[in-house]
Amino acid sequence: MCKTIRDKNKVALSSRNFHLNKTELLIAGKIAKKMIYLKNRIKTQKNLNNFLNKNEKELNKKFNITVEYLELRNTKNLKISNKFKDSKIFIAFYLNKIRLIDNF
């Protein structure tokens, strides 16, 4: 595991970003900030699957994207987890046909 390098809008640096226009980069930044917010909120949730499913639908609708997955995974073995401890949130989504992936 290594640290993710991000731009000033919190978007993970990637060669795929060159395929996005300025508006799409702003949307990607809003999504990254939303994911940071979710990372902080998930700690207090009782049903993590419901929380993630609800937020996946919200992301799809609010940002007009297609989320491929929004999952909590164990950082040691990358298996799907139902506990926040030793886990990260993983997301893959399509923004104007460009697939972006990240973890928080």
N, C-alpha and C. Protein backbone atom coordinates (compact mmCIF):
# COMPACT_ATOMS: atom_id res chain seq x y z
N MET A 1 0.85 -1.17 0.00
CA MET A 1 0.00 0.00 0.00
C MET A 1 0.90 1.24 0.00
N CYS A 2 0.49 2.24 -0.76
CA CYS A 2 1.24 3.49 -0.78
C CYS A 2 0.25 4.66 -0.73
N LYS A 3 0.76 5.81 -0.41
CA LYS A 3 -0.08 6.99 -0.29
C LYS A 3 -0.54 7.44 -1.68
N THR A 4 -1.82 7.83 -1.77
CA THR A 4 -2.37 8.34 -3.02
C THR A 4 -2.02 9.82 -3.13
N ILE A 5 -1.46 10.21 -4.26
CA ILE A 5 -1.13 11.62 -4.49
C ILE A 5 -2.34 12.27 -5.14
N ARG A 6 -2.75 13.41 -4.58
CA ARG A 6 -3.97 14.08 -5.03
C ARG A 6 -3.67 15.52 -5.44
N ASP A 7 -4.53 16.05 -6.33
CA ASP A 7 -4.41 17.46 -6.70
C ASP A 7 -5.12 18.32 -5.65
N LYS A 8 -5.17 19.62 -5.88
CA LYS A 8 -5.76 20.54 -4.89
C LYS A 8 -7.25 20.29 -4.68
N ASN A 9 -7.93 19.66 -5.64
CA ASN A 9 -9.36 19.35 -5.52
C ASN A 9 -9.60 17.97 -4.93
N LYS A 10 -8.54 17.31 -4.48
CA LYS A 10 -8.59 15.99 -3.85
C LYS A 10 -8.76 14.84 -4.84
N VAL A 11 -8.62 15.11 -6.13
CA VAL A 11 -8.71 14.06 -7.16
C VAL A 11 -7.36 13.33 -7.21
N ALA A 12 -7.42 11.99 -7.19
CA ALA A 12 -6.19 11.21 -7.31
C ALA A 12 -5.54 11.49 -8.66
N LEU A 13 -4.24 11.71 -8.64
CA LEU A 13 -3.53 11.97 -9.90
C LEU A 13 -3.47 10.70 -10.73
N SER A 14 -3.85 10.83 -11.99
CA SER A 14 -3.90 9.69 -12.90
C SER A 14 -3.81 10.18 -14.33
N SER A 15 -3.24 9.37 -15.20
CA SER A 15 -3.19 9.75 -16.62
C SER A 15 -4.59 9.81 -17.22
N ARG A 16 -5.55 9.13 -16.61
CA ARG A 16 -6.93 9.18 -17.10
C ARG A 16 -7.53 10.58 -16.97
N ASN A 17 -7.02 11.35 -16.03
CA ASN A 17 -7.55 12.70 -15.82
C ASN A 17 -7.36 13.59 -17.04
N PHE A 18 -6.39 13.28 -17.88
CA PHE A 18 -6.15 14.08 -19.08
C PHE A 18 -7.31 13.95 -20.08
N HIS A 19 -8.12 12.93 -19.91
CA HIS A 19 -9.27 12.73 -20.79
C HIS A 19 -10.51 13.50 -20.32
N LEU A 20 -10.40 14.13 -19.16
CA LEU A 20 -11.53 14.89 -18.60
C LEU A 20 -11.38 16.37 -18.90
N ASN A 21 -12.50 17.02 -19.19
CA ASN A 21 -12.44 18.47 -19.37
C ASN A 21 -12.52 19.15 -18.00
N LYS A 22 -12.46 20.48 -17.99
CA LYS A 22 -12.43 21.22 -16.71
C LYS A 22 -13.66 20.96 -15.87
N THR A 23 -14.82 20.92 -16.49
CA THR A 23 -16.07 20.67 -15.75
C THR A 23 -16.05 19.28 -15.14
N GLU A 24 -15.59 18.30 -15.90
CA GLU A 24 -15.53 16.92 -15.41
C GLU A 24 -14.52 16.79 -14.27
N LEU A 25 -13.41 17.50 -14.35
CA LEU A 25 -12.43 17.49 -13.26
C LEU A 25 -13.02 18.10 -11.99
N LEU A 26 -13.85 19.13 -12.15
CA LEU A 26 -14.52 19.71 -10.99
C LEU A 26 -15.49 18.71 -10.37
N ILE A 27 -16.22 18.00 -11.21
CA ILE A 27 -17.15 16.97 -10.71
C ILE A 27 -16.36 15.87 -9.99
N ALA A 28 -15.25 15.43 -10.58
CA ALA A 28 -14.41 14.41 -9.94
C ALA A 28 -13.93 14.89 -8.58
N GLY A 29 -13.61 16.17 -8.47
CA GLY A 29 -13.19 16.74 -7.19
C GLY A 29 -14.31 16.74 -6.17
N LYS A 30 -15.52 17.05 -6.62
CA LYS A 30 -16.67 17.02 -5.71
C LYS A 30 -16.94 15.59 -5.23
N ILE A 31 -16.76 14.64 -6.11
CA ILE A 31 -16.96 13.24 -5.73
C ILE A 31 -15.89 12.82 -4.72
N ALA A 32 -14.64 13.21 -4.95
CA ALA A 32 -13.56 12.88 -4.02
C ALA A 32 -13.84 13.49 -2.64
N LYS A 33 -14.30 14.73 -2.62
CA LYS A 33 -14.62 15.37 -1.34
C LYS A 33 -15.79 14.67 -0.66
N LYS A 34 -16.77 14.22 -1.44
CA LYS A 34 -17.90 13.47 -0.89
C LYS A 34 -17.40 12.15 -0.29
N MET A 35 -16.45 11.52 -0.95
CA MET A 35 -15.91 10.26 -0.44
C MET A 35 -15.16 10.46 0.87
N ILE A 36 -14.44 11.56 0.99
CA ILE A 36 -13.75 11.88 2.25
C ILE A 36 -14.78 12.09 3.36
N TYR A 37 -15.87 12.77 3.01
CA TYR A 37 -16.97 12.96 3.96
C TYR A 37 -17.56 11.61 4.37
N LEU A 38 -17.79 10.71 3.41
CA LEU A 38 -18.34 9.39 3.71
C LEU A 38 -17.39 8.59 4.60
N LYS A 39 -16.10 8.72 4.34
CA LYS A 39 -15.11 8.01 5.15
C LYS A 39 -15.24 8.42 6.62
N ASN A 40 -15.47 9.69 6.86
CA ASN A 40 -15.62 10.16 8.23
C ASN A 40 -16.96 9.76 8.83
N ARG A 41 -17.99 9.69 8.03
CA ARG A 41 -19.33 9.34 8.52
C ARG A 41 -19.52 7.85 8.72
N ILE A 42 -18.84 7.04 7.95
CA ILE A 42 -19.07 5.59 8.01
C ILE A 42 -18.72 5.01 9.37
N LYS A 43 -17.82 5.69 10.07
CA LYS A 43 -17.38 5.21 11.39
C LYS A 43 -18.53 5.08 12.38
N THR A 44 -19.58 5.87 12.19
CA THR A 44 -20.69 5.89 13.13
C THR A 44 -21.91 5.11 12.65
N GLN A 45 -21.80 4.44 11.52
CA GLN A 45 -22.94 3.74 10.94
C GLN A 45 -23.06 2.32 11.50
N LYS A 46 -24.28 1.89 11.72
CA LYS A 46 -24.53 0.54 12.23
C LYS A 46 -24.59 -0.47 11.07
N ASN A 47 -25.26 -0.10 9.98
CA ASN A 47 -25.38 -0.99 8.83
C ASN A 47 -24.58 -0.39 7.67
N LEU A 48 -23.35 -0.86 7.52
CA LEU A 48 -22.44 -0.29 6.53
C LEU A 48 -22.92 -0.54 5.10
N ASN A 49 -23.49 -1.70 4.84
CA ASN A 49 -23.96 -2.00 3.48
C ASN A 49 -25.08 -1.06 3.06
N ASN A 50 -26.04 -0.84 3.93
CA ASN A 50 -27.12 0.10 3.62
C ASN A 50 -26.58 1.51 3.40
N PHE A 51 -25.66 1.91 4.25
CA PHE A 51 -25.05 3.23 4.13
C PHE A 51 -24.37 3.40 2.77
N LEU A 52 -23.59 2.41 2.37
CA LEU A 52 -22.88 2.49 1.09
C LEU A 52 -23.85 2.43 -0.09
N ASN A 53 -24.86 1.56 -0.02
CA ASN A 53 -25.85 1.47 -1.10
C ASN A 53 -26.60 2.79 -1.28
N LYS A 54 -27.01 3.38 -0.18
CA LYS A 54 -27.73 4.66 -0.22
C LYS A 54 -26.86 5.74 -0.86
N ASN A 55 -25.60 5.78 -0.47
CA ASN A 55 -24.71 6.80 -1.00
C ASN A 55 -24.30 6.54 -2.45
N GLU A 56 -24.26 5.28 -2.85
CA GLU A 56 -23.99 4.97 -4.25
C GLU A 56 -25.10 5.52 -5.14
N LYS A 57 -26.34 5.30 -4.72
CA LYS A 57 -27.48 5.83 -5.49
C LYS A 57 -27.46 7.34 -5.54
N GLU A 58 -27.11 7.96 -4.41
CA GLU A 58 -27.04 9.42 -4.35
C GLU A 58 -25.96 9.96 -5.29
N LEU A 59 -24.80 9.31 -5.32
CA LEU A 59 -23.72 9.74 -6.21
C LEU A 59 -24.14 9.63 -7.67
N ASN A 60 -24.76 8.51 -8.03
CA ASN A 60 -25.23 8.31 -9.41
C ASN A 60 -26.16 9.45 -9.83
N LYS A 61 -27.10 9.75 -8.97
CA LYS A 61 -28.12 10.75 -9.30
C LYS A 61 -27.55 12.18 -9.27
N LYS A 62 -26.85 12.52 -8.20
CA LYS A 62 -26.37 13.89 -8.02
C LYS A 62 -25.34 14.31 -9.07
N PHE A 63 -24.45 13.39 -9.42
CA PHE A 63 -23.35 13.74 -10.32
C PHE A 63 -23.51 13.17 -11.73
N ASN A 64 -24.62 12.49 -11.99
CA ASN A 64 -24.89 11.90 -13.29
C ASN A 64 -23.73 11.00 -13.74
N ILE A 65 -23.35 10.10 -12.84
CA ILE A 65 -22.27 9.16 -13.12
C ILE A 65 -22.83 7.75 -13.00
N THR A 66 -22.02 6.78 -13.39
CA THR A 66 -22.36 5.39 -13.19
C THR A 66 -21.33 4.78 -12.26
N VAL A 67 -21.75 4.48 -11.05
CA VAL A 67 -20.85 3.85 -10.08
C VAL A 67 -20.79 2.35 -10.40
N GLU A 68 -19.59 1.86 -10.61
CA GLU A 68 -19.39 0.42 -10.85
C GLU A 68 -19.39 -0.32 -9.52
N TYR A 69 -18.68 0.23 -8.54
CA TYR A 69 -18.71 -0.33 -7.19
C TYR A 69 -18.37 0.75 -6.17
N LEU A 70 -18.93 0.59 -5.00
CA LEU A 70 -18.63 1.40 -3.82
C LEU A 70 -18.63 0.41 -2.67
N GLU A 71 -17.42 0.03 -2.23
CA GLU A 71 -17.28 -1.08 -1.30
C GLU A 71 -16.31 -0.75 -0.17
N LEU A 72 -16.54 -1.39 0.94
CA LEU A 72 -15.61 -1.34 2.06
C LEU A 72 -14.79 -2.62 2.00
N ARG A 73 -13.46 -2.47 1.94
CA ARG A 73 -12.60 -3.64 1.82
C ARG A 73 -11.49 -3.60 2.87
N ASN A 74 -11.13 -4.77 3.34
CA ASN A 74 -10.06 -4.92 4.31
C ASN A 74 -8.73 -4.52 3.66
N THR A 75 -7.94 -3.73 4.37
CA THR A 75 -6.68 -3.22 3.79
C THR A 75 -5.60 -4.30 3.72
N LYS A 76 -5.74 -5.37 4.46
CA LYS A 76 -4.70 -6.41 4.46
C LYS A 76 -4.89 -7.44 3.36
N ASN A 77 -6.15 -7.83 3.10
CA ASN A 77 -6.39 -8.88 2.12
C ASN A 77 -7.36 -8.48 1.00
N LEU A 78 -7.87 -7.26 1.05
CA LEU A 78 -8.79 -6.67 0.08
C LEU A 78 -10.13 -7.42 -0.04
N LYS A 79 -10.44 -8.23 0.94
CA LYS A 79 -11.75 -8.88 0.96
C LYS A 79 -12.80 -7.86 1.40
N ILE A 80 -14.03 -8.03 0.91
CA ILE A 80 -15.11 -7.14 1.33
C ILE A 80 -15.29 -7.26 2.83
N SER A 81 -15.45 -6.12 3.48
CA SER A 81 -15.51 -6.07 4.93
C SER A 81 -16.84 -5.49 5.40
N ASN A 82 -17.22 -5.83 6.59
CA ASN A 82 -18.39 -5.22 7.20
C ASN A 82 -18.00 -4.47 8.48
N LYS A 83 -16.71 -4.21 8.61
CA LYS A 83 -16.18 -3.45 9.75
C LYS A 83 -15.30 -2.34 9.23
N PHE A 84 -15.42 -1.18 9.85
CA PHE A 84 -14.62 -0.04 9.39
C PHE A 84 -13.15 -0.20 9.76
N LYS A 85 -12.88 -0.81 10.91
CA LYS A 85 -11.49 -0.96 11.36
C LYS A 85 -10.68 -1.76 10.35
N ASP A 86 -9.50 -1.27 10.02
CA ASP A 86 -8.59 -1.90 9.06
C ASP A 86 -9.19 -2.02 7.66
N SER A 87 -10.08 -1.08 7.31
CA SER A 87 -10.72 -1.10 5.99
C SER A 87 -10.62 0.26 5.32
N LYS A 88 -10.86 0.25 4.02
CA LYS A 88 -10.94 1.48 3.22
C LYS A 88 -12.15 1.37 2.31
N ILE A 89 -12.65 2.54 1.89
CA ILE A 89 -13.73 2.58 0.92
C ILE A 89 -13.12 2.62 -0.47
N PHE A 90 -13.57 1.72 -1.33
CA PHE A 90 -13.10 1.66 -2.71
C PHE A 90 -14.25 2.04 -3.63
N ILE A 91 -13.93 2.85 -4.65
CA ILE A 91 -14.94 3.27 -5.61
C ILE A 91 -14.37 3.20 -7.02
N ALA A 92 -15.23 2.80 -7.95
CA ALA A 92 -14.94 2.91 -9.38
C ALA A 92 -16.21 3.47 -10.00
N PHE A 93 -16.04 4.46 -10.86
CA PHE A 93 -17.20 5.07 -11.51
C PHE A 93 -16.81 5.60 -12.88
N TYR A 94 -17.83 5.75 -13.71
CA TYR A 94 -17.63 6.29 -15.05
C TYR A 94 -18.12 7.73 -15.08
N LEU A 95 -17.25 8.61 -15.53
CA LEU A 95 -17.58 10.01 -15.72
C LEU A 95 -17.34 10.29 -17.21
N ASN A 96 -18.43 10.43 -17.95
CA ASN A 96 -18.35 10.63 -19.40
C ASN A 96 -17.47 9.58 -20.07
N LYS A 97 -17.76 8.32 -19.79
CA LYS A 97 -17.10 7.16 -20.38
C LYS A 97 -15.66 6.94 -19.91
N ILE A 98 -15.19 7.77 -19.00
CA ILE A 98 -13.84 7.58 -18.44
C ILE A 98 -13.99 6.89 -17.08
N ARG A 99 -13.33 5.75 -16.91
CA ARG A 99 -13.43 5.02 -15.65
C ARG A 99 -12.38 5.54 -14.67
N LEU A 100 -12.87 6.01 -13.54
CA LEU A 100 -12.00 6.51 -12.48
C LEU A 100 -12.13 5.58 -11.27
N ILE A 101 -10.99 5.31 -10.63
CA ILE A 101 -10.98 4.47 -9.44
C ILE A 101 -10.26 5.22 -8.32
N ASP A 102 -10.63 4.92 -7.09
CA ASP A 102 -10.00 5.58 -5.95
C ASP A 102 -10.32 4.79 -4.69
N ASN A 103 -9.61 5.11 -3.63
CA ASN A 103 -9.91 4.53 -2.33
C ASN A 103 -9.61 5.56 -1.25
N PHE A 104 -10.37 5.45 -0.17
CA PHE A 104 -10.31 6.44 0.90
C PHE A 104 -10.29 5.73 2.26
